[in-house]
């Protein structure tokens, strides 16, 4: 991935919808979310994810539950709420609109 200030700003804006997408079909604890993002070649830091999960929780987009872990203390698993599903659907619609706009503008020149 190109690493410059424009791309960094774009990535920053993409983190929230990508976290929602990671939680779309399953409950994950933060380390699993980080792994999913990194496996998709999306660079993210642990210190960025936790505040975002807290924010999404306050907004009602995600909820969490504690589960026992076979290898240590209980883990906090996150999942989407109906509000989070709605936010993700709205983002996907907007993303498609942006993609089409970029293609149309590029063809006009």
PDB file of N, CA and C in Angstrom:
ATOM      1  N   UNK A   1       0.844  -1.176   0.000  1.00  0.00           N
ATOM      2  CA  UNK A   1       0.000   0.000   0.000  1.00  0.00           C
ATOM      3  C   UNK A   1       0.890   1.239   0.000  1.00  0.00           C
ATOM      4  N   UNK A   2       0.510   2.237  -0.785  1.00  0.00           N
ATOM      5  CA  UNK A   2       1.241   3.494  -0.844  1.00  0.00           C
ATOM      6  C   UNK A   2       1.164   4.153   0.528  1.00  0.00           C
ATOM      7  N   UNK A   3       2.294   4.635   1.016  1.00  0.00           N
ATOM      8  CA  UNK A   3       2.309   5.234   2.347  1.00  0.00           C
ATOM      9  C   UNK A   3       2.659   6.703   2.247  1.00  0.00           C
ATOM     10  N   UNK A   4       1.653   7.551   2.177  1.00  0.00           N
ATOM     11  CA  UNK A   4       1.860   8.979   2.228  1.00  0.00           C
ATOM     12  C   UNK A   4       0.723   9.587   3.038  1.00  0.00           C
ATOM     13  N   UNK A   5       0.774  10.891   3.251  1.00  0.00           N
ATOM     14  CA  UNK A   5      -0.203  11.517   4.143  1.00  0.00           C
ATOM     15  C   UNK A   5      -1.636  11.405   3.627  1.00  0.00           C
ATOM     16  N   UNK A   6      -1.837  11.437   2.332  1.00  0.00           N
ATOM     17  CA  UNK A   6      -3.199  11.294   1.791  1.00  0.00           C
ATOM     18  C   UNK A   6      -3.751   9.903   2.065  1.00  0.00           C
ATOM     19  N   UNK A   7      -2.929   8.916   1.847  1.00  0.00           N
ATOM     20  CA  UNK A   7      -3.378   7.545   2.077  1.00  0.00           C
ATOM     21  C   UNK A   7      -3.570   7.273   3.572  1.00  0.00           C
ATOM     22  N   UNK A   8      -2.731   7.866   4.385  1.00  0.00           N
ATOM     23  CA  UNK A   8      -2.873   7.708   5.834  1.00  0.00           C
ATOM     24  C   UNK A   8      -4.215   8.269   6.291  1.00  0.00           C
ATOM     25  N   UNK A   9      -4.578   9.436   5.795  1.00  0.00           N
ATOM     26  CA  UNK A   9      -5.858  10.042   6.159  1.00  0.00           C
ATOM     27  C   UNK A   9      -7.015   9.178   5.670  1.00  0.00           C
ATOM     28  N   UNK A  10      -6.907   8.645   4.484  1.00  0.00           N
ATOM     29  CA  UNK A  10      -7.948   7.776   3.950  1.00  0.00           C
ATOM     30  C   UNK A  10      -8.093   6.510   4.798  1.00  0.00           C
ATOM     31  N   UNK A  11      -6.964   5.902   5.152  1.00  0.00           N
ATOM     32  CA  UNK A  11      -7.002   4.700   5.998  1.00  0.00           C
ATOM     33  C   UNK A  11      -7.661   4.994   7.337  1.00  0.00           C
ATOM     34  N   UNK A  12      -7.322   6.142   7.917  1.00  0.00           N
ATOM     35  CA  UNK A  12      -7.900   6.524   9.203  1.00  0.00           C
ATOM     36  C   UNK A  12      -9.431   6.551   9.113  1.00  0.00           C
ATOM     37  N   UNK A  13      -9.933   7.101   8.013  1.00  0.00           N
ATOM     38  CA  UNK A  13     -11.373   7.172   7.809  1.00  0.00           C
ATOM     39  C   UNK A  13     -12.015   5.832   7.514  1.00  0.00           C
ATOM     40  N   UNK A  14     -11.234   4.900   7.028  1.00  0.00           N
ATOM     41  CA  UNK A  14     -11.747   3.580   6.673  1.00  0.00           C
ATOM     42  C   UNK A  14     -11.810   2.611   7.847  1.00  0.00           C
ATOM     43  N   UNK A  15     -11.123   2.918   8.926  1.00  0.00           N
ATOM     44  CA  UNK A  15     -11.024   1.964  10.028  1.00  0.00           C
ATOM     45  C   UNK A  15     -12.387   1.602  10.603  1.00  0.00           C
ATOM     46  N   UNK A  16     -13.223   2.586  10.847  1.00  0.00           N
ATOM     47  CA  UNK A  16     -14.525   2.301  11.461  1.00  0.00           C
ATOM     48  C   UNK A  16     -15.372   1.350  10.612  1.00  0.00           C
ATOM     49  N   UNK A  17     -15.588   1.625   9.328  1.00  0.00           N
ATOM     50  CA  UNK A  17     -16.390   0.672   8.555  1.00  0.00           C
ATOM     51  C   UNK A  17     -15.732  -0.699   8.423  1.00  0.00           C
ATOM     52  N   UNK A  18     -14.414  -0.747   8.410  1.00  0.00           N
ATOM     53  CA  UNK A  18     -13.747  -2.049   8.319  1.00  0.00           C
ATOM     54  C   UNK A  18     -13.918  -2.855   9.602  1.00  0.00           C
ATOM     55  N   UNK A  19     -13.895  -2.194  10.735  1.00  0.00           N
ATOM     56  CA  UNK A  19     -14.138  -2.892  11.999  1.00  0.00           C
ATOM     57  C   UNK A  19     -15.571  -3.414  12.023  1.00  0.00           C
ATOM     58  N   UNK A  20     -16.520  -2.582  11.584  1.00  0.00           N
ATOM     59  CA  UNK A  20     -17.910  -3.046  11.512  1.00  0.00           C
ATOM     60  C   UNK A  20     -18.024  -4.253  10.585  1.00  0.00           C
ATOM     61  N   UNK A  21     -17.347  -4.209   9.445  1.00  0.00           N
ATOM     62  CA  UNK A  21     -17.385  -5.329   8.497  1.00  0.00           C
ATOM     63  C   UNK A  21     -16.777  -6.591   9.101  1.00  0.00           C
ATOM     64  N   UNK A  22     -15.711  -6.437   9.881  1.00  0.00           N
ATOM     65  CA  UNK A  22     -15.076  -7.601  10.515  1.00  0.00           C
ATOM     66  C   UNK A  22     -16.040  -8.286  11.480  1.00  0.00           C
ATOM     67  N   UNK A  23     -16.933  -7.498  12.070  1.00  0.00           N
ATOM     68  CA  UNK A  23     -17.879  -8.029  13.053  1.00  0.00           C
ATOM     69  C   UNK A  23     -19.217  -8.430  12.437  1.00  0.00           C
ATOM     70  N   UNK A  24     -19.331  -8.309  11.142  1.00  0.00           N
ATOM     71  CA  UNK A  24     -20.618  -8.505  10.488  1.00  0.00           C
ATOM     72  C   UNK A  24     -21.228  -9.886  10.735  1.00  0.00           C
ATOM     73  N   UNK A  25     -20.460 -10.921  10.651  1.00  0.00           N
ATOM     74  CA  UNK A  25     -21.017 -12.278  10.736  1.00  0.00           C
ATOM     75  C   UNK A  25     -20.531 -13.088  11.926  1.00  0.00           C
ATOM     76  N   UNK A  26     -19.774 -12.434  12.816  1.00  0.00           N
ATOM     77  CA  UNK A  26     -19.244 -13.213  13.947  1.00  0.00           C
ATOM     78  C   UNK A  26     -18.812 -12.303  15.082  1.00  0.00           C
ATOM     79  N   UNK A  27     -18.766 -12.874  16.254  1.00  0.00           N
ATOM     80  CA  UNK A  27     -18.257 -12.165  17.429  1.00  0.00           C
ATOM     81  C   UNK A  27     -16.741 -12.352  17.463  1.00  0.00           C
ATOM     82  N   UNK A  28     -16.044 -11.271  17.723  1.00  0.00           N
ATOM     83  CA  UNK A  28     -14.582 -11.326  17.778  1.00  0.00           C
ATOM     84  C   UNK A  28     -14.092 -10.550  18.987  1.00  0.00           C
ATOM     85  N   UNK A  29     -12.971 -10.964  19.522  1.00  0.00           N
ATOM     86  CA  UNK A  29     -12.321 -10.141  20.531  1.00  0.00           C
ATOM     87  C   UNK A  29     -11.263  -9.299  19.811  1.00  0.00           C
ATOM     88  N   UNK A  30     -10.815  -8.224  20.428  1.00  0.00           N
ATOM     89  CA  UNK A  30      -9.970  -7.257  19.714  1.00  0.00           C
ATOM     90  C   UNK A  30      -8.763  -7.847  18.991  1.00  0.00           C
ATOM     91  N   UNK A  31      -8.087  -8.801  19.582  1.00  0.00           N
ATOM     92  CA  UNK A  31      -6.923  -9.377  18.894  1.00  0.00           C
ATOM     93  C   UNK A  31      -7.331 -10.047  17.588  1.00  0.00           C
ATOM     94  N   UNK A  32      -8.524 -10.639  17.548  1.00  0.00           N
ATOM     95  CA  UNK A  32      -9.005 -11.267  16.314  1.00  0.00           C
ATOM     96  C   UNK A  32      -9.374 -10.207  15.271  1.00  0.00           C
ATOM     97  N   UNK A  33      -9.896  -9.076  15.724  1.00  0.00           N
ATOM     98  CA  UNK A  33     -10.203  -7.982  14.804  1.00  0.00           C
ATOM     99  C   UNK A  33      -8.908  -7.472  14.179  1.00  0.00           C
ATOM    100  N   UNK A  34      -7.900  -7.263  15.005  1.00  0.00           N
ATOM    101  CA  UNK A  34      -6.593  -6.817  14.495  1.00  0.00           C
ATOM    102  C   UNK A  34      -6.048  -7.795  13.473  1.00  0.00           C
ATOM    103  N   UNK A  35      -6.124  -9.081  13.770  1.00  0.00           N
ATOM    104  CA  UNK A  35      -5.634 -10.105  12.853  1.00  0.00           C
ATOM    105  C   UNK A  35      -6.396 -10.058  11.534  1.00  0.00           C
ATOM    106  N   UNK A  36      -7.719  -9.932  11.593  1.00  0.00           N
ATOM    107  CA  UNK A  36      -8.524  -9.874  10.371  1.00  0.00           C
ATOM    108  C   UNK A  36      -8.130  -8.676   9.514  1.00  0.00           C
ATOM    109  N   UNK A  37      -7.934  -7.532  10.142  1.00  0.00           N
ATOM    110  CA  UNK A  37      -7.548  -6.336   9.394  1.00  0.00           C
ATOM    111  C   UNK A  37      -6.157  -6.487   8.793  1.00  0.00           C
ATOM    112  N   UNK A  38      -5.244  -7.001   9.570  1.00  0.00           N
ATOM    113  CA  UNK A  38      -3.865  -7.165   9.074  1.00  0.00           C
ATOM    114  C   UNK A  38      -3.798  -8.204   7.961  1.00  0.00           C
ATOM    115  N   UNK A  39      -4.586  -9.271   8.066  1.00  0.00           N
ATOM    116  CA  UNK A  39      -4.602 -10.288   7.011  1.00  0.00           C
ATOM    117  C   UNK A  39      -5.171  -9.726   5.713  1.00  0.00           C
ATOM    118  N   UNK A  40      -5.990  -8.690   5.835  1.00  0.00           N
ATOM    119  CA  UNK A  40      -6.525  -8.008   4.653  1.00  0.00           C
ATOM    120  C   UNK A  40      -5.597  -6.881   4.202  1.00  0.00           C
ATOM    121  N   UNK A  41      -4.374  -6.863   4.723  1.00  0.00           N
ATOM    122  CA  UNK A  41      -3.369  -5.844   4.392  1.00  0.00           C
ATOM    123  C   UNK A  41      -3.794  -4.441   4.778  1.00  0.00           C
ATOM    124  N   UNK A  42      -4.545  -4.324   5.868  1.00  0.00           N
ATOM    125  CA  UNK A  42      -4.924  -3.021   6.382  1.00  0.00           C
ATOM    126  C   UNK A  42      -4.151  -2.776   7.667  1.00  0.00           C
ATOM    127  N   UNK A  43      -3.176  -1.872   7.633  1.00  0.00           N
ATOM    128  CA  UNK A  43      -2.353  -1.653   8.819  1.00  0.00           C
ATOM    129  C   UNK A  43      -3.137  -0.945   9.922  1.00  0.00           C
ATOM    130  N   UNK A  44      -3.061  -1.496  11.112  1.00  0.00           N
ATOM    131  CA  UNK A  44      -3.760  -0.895  12.253  1.00  0.00           C
ATOM    132  C   UNK A  44      -2.974  -1.189  13.518  1.00  0.00           C
ATOM    133  N   UNK A  45      -3.038  -0.260  14.440  1.00  0.00           N
ATOM    134  CA  UNK A  45      -2.341  -0.413  15.719  1.00  0.00           C
ATOM    135  C   UNK A  45      -3.358  -0.758  16.803  1.00  0.00           C
ATOM    136  N   UNK A  46      -2.929  -1.526  17.769  1.00  0.00           N
ATOM    137  CA  UNK A  46      -3.788  -1.877  18.895  1.00  0.00           C
ATOM    138  C   UNK A  46      -4.322  -0.623  19.583  1.00  0.00           C
ATOM    139  N   UNK A  47      -3.454   0.369  19.738  1.00  0.00           N
ATOM    140  CA  UNK A  47      -3.830   1.594  20.424  1.00  0.00           C
ATOM    141  C   UNK A  47      -4.877   2.412  19.691  1.00  0.00           C
ATOM    142  N   UNK A  48      -5.110   2.121  18.429  1.00  0.00           N
ATOM    143  CA  UNK A  48      -6.141   2.794  17.648  1.00  0.00           C
ATOM    144  C   UNK A  48      -7.468   2.045  17.749  1.00  0.00           C
ATOM    145  N   UNK A  49      -7.391   0.728  17.847  1.00  0.00           N
ATOM    146  CA  UNK A  49      -8.591  -0.103  17.832  1.00  0.00           C
ATOM    147  C   UNK A  49      -9.415   0.039  19.105  1.00  0.00           C
ATOM    148  N   UNK A  50      -8.769  -0.006  20.252  1.00  0.00           N
ATOM    149  CA  UNK A  50      -9.530  -0.004  21.513  1.00  0.00           C
ATOM    150  C   UNK A  50     -10.372   1.255  21.699  1.00  0.00           C
ATOM    151  N   UNK A  51      -9.835   2.445  21.455  1.00  0.00           N
ATOM    152  CA  UNK A  51     -10.691   3.638  21.573  1.00  0.00           C
ATOM    153  C   UNK A  51     -11.855   3.623  20.574  1.00  0.00           C
ATOM    154  N   UNK A  52     -11.613   3.085  19.381  1.00  0.00           N
ATOM    155  CA  UNK A  52     -12.677   3.010  18.388  1.00  0.00           C
ATOM    156  C   UNK A  52     -13.786   2.067  18.857  1.00  0.00           C
ATOM    157  N   UNK A  53     -13.419   0.925  19.415  1.00  0.00           N
ATOM    158  CA  UNK A  53     -14.432  -0.005  19.925  1.00  0.00           C
ATOM    159  C   UNK A  53     -15.252   0.634  21.051  1.00  0.00           C
ATOM    160  N   UNK A  54     -14.585   1.413  21.896  1.00  0.00           N
ATOM    161  CA  UNK A  54     -15.288   2.122  22.971  1.00  0.00           C
ATOM    162  C   UNK A  54     -16.275   3.122  22.371  1.00  0.00           C
ATOM    163  N   UNK A  55     -15.832   3.868  21.375  1.00  0.00           N
ATOM    164  CA  UNK A  55     -16.690   4.853  20.703  1.00  0.00           C
ATOM    165  C   UNK A  55     -17.890   4.165  20.055  1.00  0.00           C
ATOM    166  N   UNK A  56     -17.636   3.080  19.332  1.00  0.00           N
ATOM    167  CA  UNK A  56     -18.724   2.353  18.669  1.00  0.00           C
ATOM    168  C   UNK A  56     -19.714   1.790  19.686  1.00  0.00           C
ATOM    169  N   UNK A  57     -19.202   1.384  20.837  1.00  0.00           N
ATOM    170  CA  UNK A  57     -20.077   0.907  21.898  1.00  0.00           C
ATOM    171  C   UNK A  57     -20.964   2.018  22.441  1.00  0.00           C
ATOM    172  N   UNK A  58     -20.381   3.184  22.678  1.00  0.00           N
ATOM    173  CA  UNK A  58     -21.164   4.337  23.165  1.00  0.00           C
ATOM    174  C   UNK A  58     -22.244   4.736  22.175  1.00  0.00           C
ATOM    175  N   UNK A  59     -21.929   4.623  20.879  1.00  0.00           N
ATOM    176  CA  UNK A  59     -22.884   4.982  19.833  1.00  0.00           C
ATOM    177  C   UNK A  59     -23.947   3.913  19.609  1.00  0.00           C
ATOM    178  N   UNK A  60     -23.767   2.747  20.213  1.00  0.00           N
ATOM    179  CA  UNK A  60     -24.736   1.667  20.049  1.00  0.00           C
ATOM    180  C   UNK A  60     -24.534   0.822  18.809  1.00  0.00           C
ATOM    181  N   UNK A  61     -23.388   0.953  18.150  1.00  0.00           N
ATOM    182  CA  UNK A  61     -23.120   0.195  16.930  1.00  0.00           C
ATOM    183  C   UNK A  61     -22.598  -1.212  17.222  1.00  0.00           C
ATOM    184  N   UNK A  62     -21.930  -1.366  18.367  1.00  0.00           N
ATOM    185  CA  UNK A  62     -21.441  -2.684  18.775  1.00  0.00           C
ATOM    186  C   UNK A  62     -21.824  -2.920  20.230  1.00  0.00           C
ATOM    187  N   UNK A  63     -21.855  -4.191  20.580  1.00  0.00           N
ATOM    188  CA  UNK A  63     -22.037  -4.570  21.977  1.00  0.00           C
ATOM    189  C   UNK A  63     -20.975  -5.605  22.296  1.00  0.00           C
ATOM    190  N   UNK A  64     -20.796  -5.869  23.570  1.00  0.00           N
ATOM    191  CA  UNK A  64     -19.789  -6.860  23.939  1.00  0.00           C
ATOM    192  C   UNK A  64     -20.344  -7.800  25.007  1.00  0.00           C
ATOM    193  N   UNK A  65     -19.700  -8.929  25.083  1.00  0.00           N
ATOM    194  CA  UNK A  65     -19.990  -9.891  26.140  1.00  0.00           C
ATOM    195  C   UNK A  65     -18.683 -10.537  26.555  1.00  0.00           C
ATOM    196  N   UNK A  66     -18.606 -10.865  27.819  1.00  0.00           N
ATOM    197  CA  UNK A  66     -17.415 -11.526  28.338  1.00  0.00           C
ATOM    198  C   UNK A  66     -17.577 -13.024  28.170  1.00  0.00           C
ATOM    199  N   UNK A  67     -16.508 -13.688  27.711  1.00  0.00           N
ATOM    200  CA  UNK A  67     -16.498 -15.148  27.558  1.00  0.00           C
ATOM    201  C   UNK A  67     -15.234 -15.692  28.194  1.00  0.00           C
ATOM    202  N   UNK A  68     -15.372 -16.844  28.765  1.00  0.00           N
ATOM    203  CA  UNK A  68     -14.209 -17.517  29.332  1.00  0.00           C
ATOM    204  C   UNK A  68     -13.238 -17.873  28.212  1.00  0.00           C
ATOM    205  N   UNK A  69     -11.970 -17.807  28.539  1.00  0.00           N
ATOM    206  CA  UNK A  69     -10.930 -18.140  27.576  1.00  0.00           C
ATOM    207  C   UNK A  69     -10.238 -19.421  28.021  1.00  0.00           C
ATOM    208  N   UNK A  70      -9.939 -20.311  27.091  1.00  0.00           N
ATOM    209  CA  UNK A  70      -9.222 -21.533  27.460  1.00  0.00           C
ATOM    210  C   UNK A  70      -7.765 -21.264  27.850  1.00  0.00           C
ATOM    211  N   UNK A  71      -7.282 -20.055  27.534  1.00  0.00           N
ATOM    212  CA  UNK A  71      -5.871 -19.771  27.789  1.00  0.00           C
ATOM    213  C   UNK A  71      -5.677 -18.444  28.524  1.00  0.00           C
ATOM    214  N   UNK A  72      -6.360 -18.277  29.635  1.00  0.00           N
ATOM    215  CA  UNK A  72      -6.158 -17.054  30.396  1.00  0.00           C
ATOM    216  C   UNK A  72      -7.456 -16.455  30.898  1.00  0.00           C
ATOM    217  N   UNK A  73      -7.426 -15.156  31.146  1.00  0.00           N
ATOM    218  CA  UNK A  73      -8.613 -14.488  31.696  1.00  0.00           C
ATOM    219  C   UNK A  73      -9.744 -14.410  30.665  1.00  0.00           C
ATOM    220  N   UNK A  74     -10.952 -14.096  31.112  1.00  0.00           N
ATOM    221  CA  UNK A  74     -12.073 -13.945  30.170  1.00  0.00           C
ATOM    222  C   UNK A  74     -11.760 -12.881  29.123  1.00  0.00           C
ATOM    223  N   UNK A  75     -12.384 -13.042  27.959  1.00  0.00           N
ATOM    224  CA  UNK A  75     -12.164 -12.113  26.853  1.00  0.00           C
ATOM    225  C   UNK A  75     -13.465 -11.369  26.541  1.00  0.00           C
ATOM    226  N   UNK A  76     -13.298 -10.145  26.101  1.00  0.00           N
ATOM    227  CA  UNK A  76     -14.417  -9.302  25.719  1.00  0.00           C
ATOM    228  C   UNK A  76     -14.653  -9.485  24.224  1.00  0.00           C
ATOM    229  N   UNK A  77     -15.772 -10.113  23.863  1.00  0.00           N
ATOM    230  CA  UNK A  77     -16.118 -10.346  22.470  1.00  0.00           C
ATOM    231  C   UNK A  77     -17.112  -9.287  22.001  1.00  0.00           C
ATOM    232  N   UNK A  78     -16.856  -8.747  20.817  1.00  0.00           N
ATOM    233  CA  UNK A  78     -17.710  -7.703  20.260  1.00  0.00           C
ATOM    234  C   UNK A  78     -18.546  -8.259  19.117  1.00  0.00           C
ATOM    235  N   UNK A  79     -19.729  -7.696  18.963  1.00  0.00           N
ATOM    236  CA  UNK A  79     -20.594  -8.037  17.834  1.00  0.00           C
ATOM    237  C   UNK A  79     -21.373  -6.790  17.429  1.00  0.00           C
ATOM    238  N   UNK A  80     -21.933  -6.830  16.221  1.00  0.00           N
ATOM    239  CA  UNK A  80     -22.718  -5.705  15.726  1.00  0.00           C
ATOM    240  C   UNK A  80     -24.104  -5.709  16.348  1.00  0.00           C
ATOM    241  N   UNK A  81     -24.616  -4.529  16.557  1.00  0.00           N
ATOM    242  CA  UNK A  81     -26.015  -4.355  16.913  1.00  0.00           C
ATOM    243  C   UNK A  81     -26.771  -4.043  15.618  1.00  0.00           C
ATOM    244  N   UNK A  82     -28.076  -3.895  15.704  1.00  0.00           N
ATOM    245  CA  UNK A  82     -28.826  -3.520  14.504  1.00  0.00           C
ATOM    246  C   UNK A  82     -28.386  -2.135  14.020  1.00  0.00           C
ATOM    247  N   UNK A  83     -28.019  -1.244  14.946  1.00  0.00           N
ATOM    248  CA  UNK A  83     -27.497   0.081  14.573  1.00  0.00           C
ATOM    249  C   UNK A  83     -26.182  -0.058  13.805  1.00  0.00           C
ATOM    250  N   UNK A  84     -25.308  -0.950  14.259  1.00  0.00           N
ATOM    251  CA  UNK A  84     -24.044  -1.185  13.563  1.00  0.00           C
ATOM    252  C   UNK A  84     -24.258  -1.774  12.186  1.00  0.00           C
ATOM    253  N   UNK A  85     -25.224  -2.682  12.064  1.00  0.00           N
ATOM    254  CA  UNK A  85     -25.548  -3.255  10.755  1.00  0.00           C
ATOM    255  C   UNK A  85     -26.042  -2.165   9.811  1.00  0.00           C
ATOM    256  N   UNK A  86     -26.857  -1.245  10.339  1.00  0.00           N
ATOM    257  CA  UNK A  86     -27.373  -0.141   9.529  1.00  0.00           C
ATOM    258  C   UNK A  86     -26.230   0.785   9.090  1.00  0.00           C
ATOM    259  N   UNK A  87     -25.332   1.104  10.006  1.00  0.00           N
ATOM    260  CA  UNK A  87     -24.190   1.960   9.663  1.00  0.00           C
ATOM    261  C   UNK A  87     -23.342   1.323   8.570  1.00  0.00           C
ATOM    262  N   UNK A  88     -23.104   0.021   8.681  1.00  0.00           N
ATOM    263  CA  UNK A  88     -22.297  -0.687   7.685  1.00  0.00           C
ATOM    264  C   UNK A  88     -23.004  -0.678   6.328  1.00  0.00           C
ATOM    265  N   UNK A  89     -24.304  -0.918   6.319  1.00  0.00           N
ATOM    266  CA  UNK A  89     -25.064  -0.898   5.065  1.00  0.00           C
ATOM    267  C   UNK A  89     -25.006   0.492   4.428  1.00  0.00           C
ATOM    268  N   UNK A  90     -25.144   1.537   5.241  1.00  0.00           N
ATOM    269  CA  UNK A  90     -25.069   2.907   4.719  1.00  0.00           C
ATOM    270  C   UNK A  90     -23.683   3.206   4.158  1.00  0.00           C
ATOM    271  N   UNK A  91     -22.651   2.740   4.843  1.00  0.00           N
ATOM    272  CA  UNK A  91     -21.304   2.956   4.341  1.00  0.00           C
ATOM    273  C   UNK A  91     -21.107   2.262   2.992  1.00  0.00           C
ATOM    274  N   UNK A  92     -21.565   1.017   2.893  1.00  0.00           N
ATOM    275  CA  UNK A  92     -21.391   0.279   1.638  1.00  0.00           C
ATOM    276  C   UNK A  92     -22.102   0.989   0.481  1.00  0.00           C
ATOM    277  N   UNK A  93     -23.289   1.498   0.727  1.00  0.00           N
ATOM    278  CA  UNK A  93     -24.016   2.234  -0.304  1.00  0.00           C
ATOM    279  C   UNK A  93     -23.238   3.481  -0.703  1.00  0.00           C
ATOM    280  N   UNK A  94     -22.760   4.218   0.279  1.00  0.00           N
ATOM    281  CA  UNK A  94     -22.001   5.436  -0.001  1.00  0.00           C
ATOM    282  C   UNK A  94     -20.707   5.106  -0.745  1.00  0.00           C
ATOM    283  N   UNK A  95     -20.043   4.045  -0.350  1.00  0.00           N
ATOM    284  CA  UNK A  95     -18.797   3.643  -1.005  1.00  0.00           C
ATOM    285  C   UNK A  95     -19.040   3.337  -2.479  1.00  0.00           C
ATOM    286  N   UNK A  96     -20.110   2.641  -2.789  1.00  0.00           N
ATOM    287  CA  UNK A  96     -20.447   2.344  -4.184  1.00  0.00           C
ATOM    288  C   UNK A  96     -20.688   3.634  -4.964  1.00  0.00           C
ATOM    289  N   UNK A  97     -21.388   4.583  -4.344  1.00  0.00           N
ATOM    290  CA  UNK A  97     -21.631   5.867  -4.992  1.00  0.00           C
ATOM    291  C   UNK A  97     -20.312   6.580  -5.271  1.00  0.00           C
ATOM    292  N   UNK A  98     -19.414   6.609  -4.296  1.00  0.00           N
ATOM    293  CA  UNK A  98     -18.105   7.245  -4.497  1.00  0.00           C
ATOM    294  C   UNK A  98     -17.317   6.561  -5.607  1.00  0.00           C
ATOM    295  N   UNK A  99     -17.324   5.246  -5.616  1.00  0.00           N
ATOM    296  CA  UNK A  99     -16.596   4.494  -6.636  1.00  0.00           C
ATOM    297  C   UNK A  99     -17.131   4.824  -8.029  1.00  0.00           C
ATOM    298  N   UNK A 100     -18.444   4.857  -8.161  1.00  0.00           N
ATOM    299  CA  UNK A 100     -19.042   5.195  -9.456  1.00  0.00           C
ATOM    300  C   UNK A 100     -18.714   6.628  -9.857  1.00  0.00           C
ATOM    301  N   UNK A 101     -18.717   7.527  -8.895  1.00  0.00           N
ATOM    302  CA  UNK A 101     -18.383   8.933  -9.183  1.00  0.00           C
ATOM    303  C   UNK A 101     -16.955   9.057  -9.683  1.00  0.00           C
ATOM    304  N   UNK A 102     -16.033   8.381  -9.030  1.00  0.00           N
ATOM    305  CA  UNK A 102     -14.631   8.426  -9.462  1.00  0.00           C
ATOM    306  C   UNK A 102     -14.493   7.875 -10.877  1.00  0.00           C
ATOM    307  N   UNK A 103     -15.186   6.787 -11.170  1.00  0.00           N
ATOM    308  CA  UNK A 103     -15.121   6.207 -12.522  1.00  0.00           C
ATOM    309  C   UNK A 103     -15.716   7.154 -13.561  1.00  0.00           C
ATOM    310  N   UNK A 104     -16.861   7.754 -13.243  1.00  0.00           N
ATOM    311  CA  UNK A 104     -17.511   8.670 -14.193  1.00  0.00           C
ATOM    312  C   UNK A 104     -16.642   9.901 -14.448  1.00  0.00           C
ATOM    313  N   UNK A 105     -16.092  10.480 -13.415  1.00  0.00           N
ATOM    314  CA  UNK A 105     -15.259  11.667 -13.573  1.00  0.00           C
ATOM    315  C   UNK A 105     -14.027  11.322 -14.387  1.00  0.00           C
ATOM    316  N   UNK A 106     -13.424  10.194 -14.116  1.00  0.00           N
ATOM    317  CA  UNK A 106     -12.233   9.788 -14.842  1.00  0.00           C
ATOM    318  C   UNK A 106     -12.497   9.587 -16.324  1.00  0.00           C
ATOM    319  N   UNK A 107     -13.685   9.135 -16.687  1.00  0.00           N
ATOM    320  CA  UNK A 107     -14.025   8.901 -18.094  1.00  0.00           C
ATOM    321  C   UNK A 107     -14.326  10.185 -18.839  1.00  0.00           C
ATOM    322  N   UNK A 108     -14.700  11.233 -18.107  1.00  0.00           N
ATOM    323  CA  UNK A 108     -15.051  12.505 -18.751  1.00  0.00           C
ATOM    324  C   UNK A 108     -13.828  13.282 -19.196  1.00  0.00           C
ATOM    325  N   UNK A 109     -12.714  13.019 -18.566  1.00  0.00           N
ATOM    326  CA  UNK A 109     -11.511  13.803 -18.877  1.00  0.00           C
ATOM    327  C   UNK A 109     -10.821  13.243 -20.094  1.00  0.00           C
TER     328      UNK A 109
END
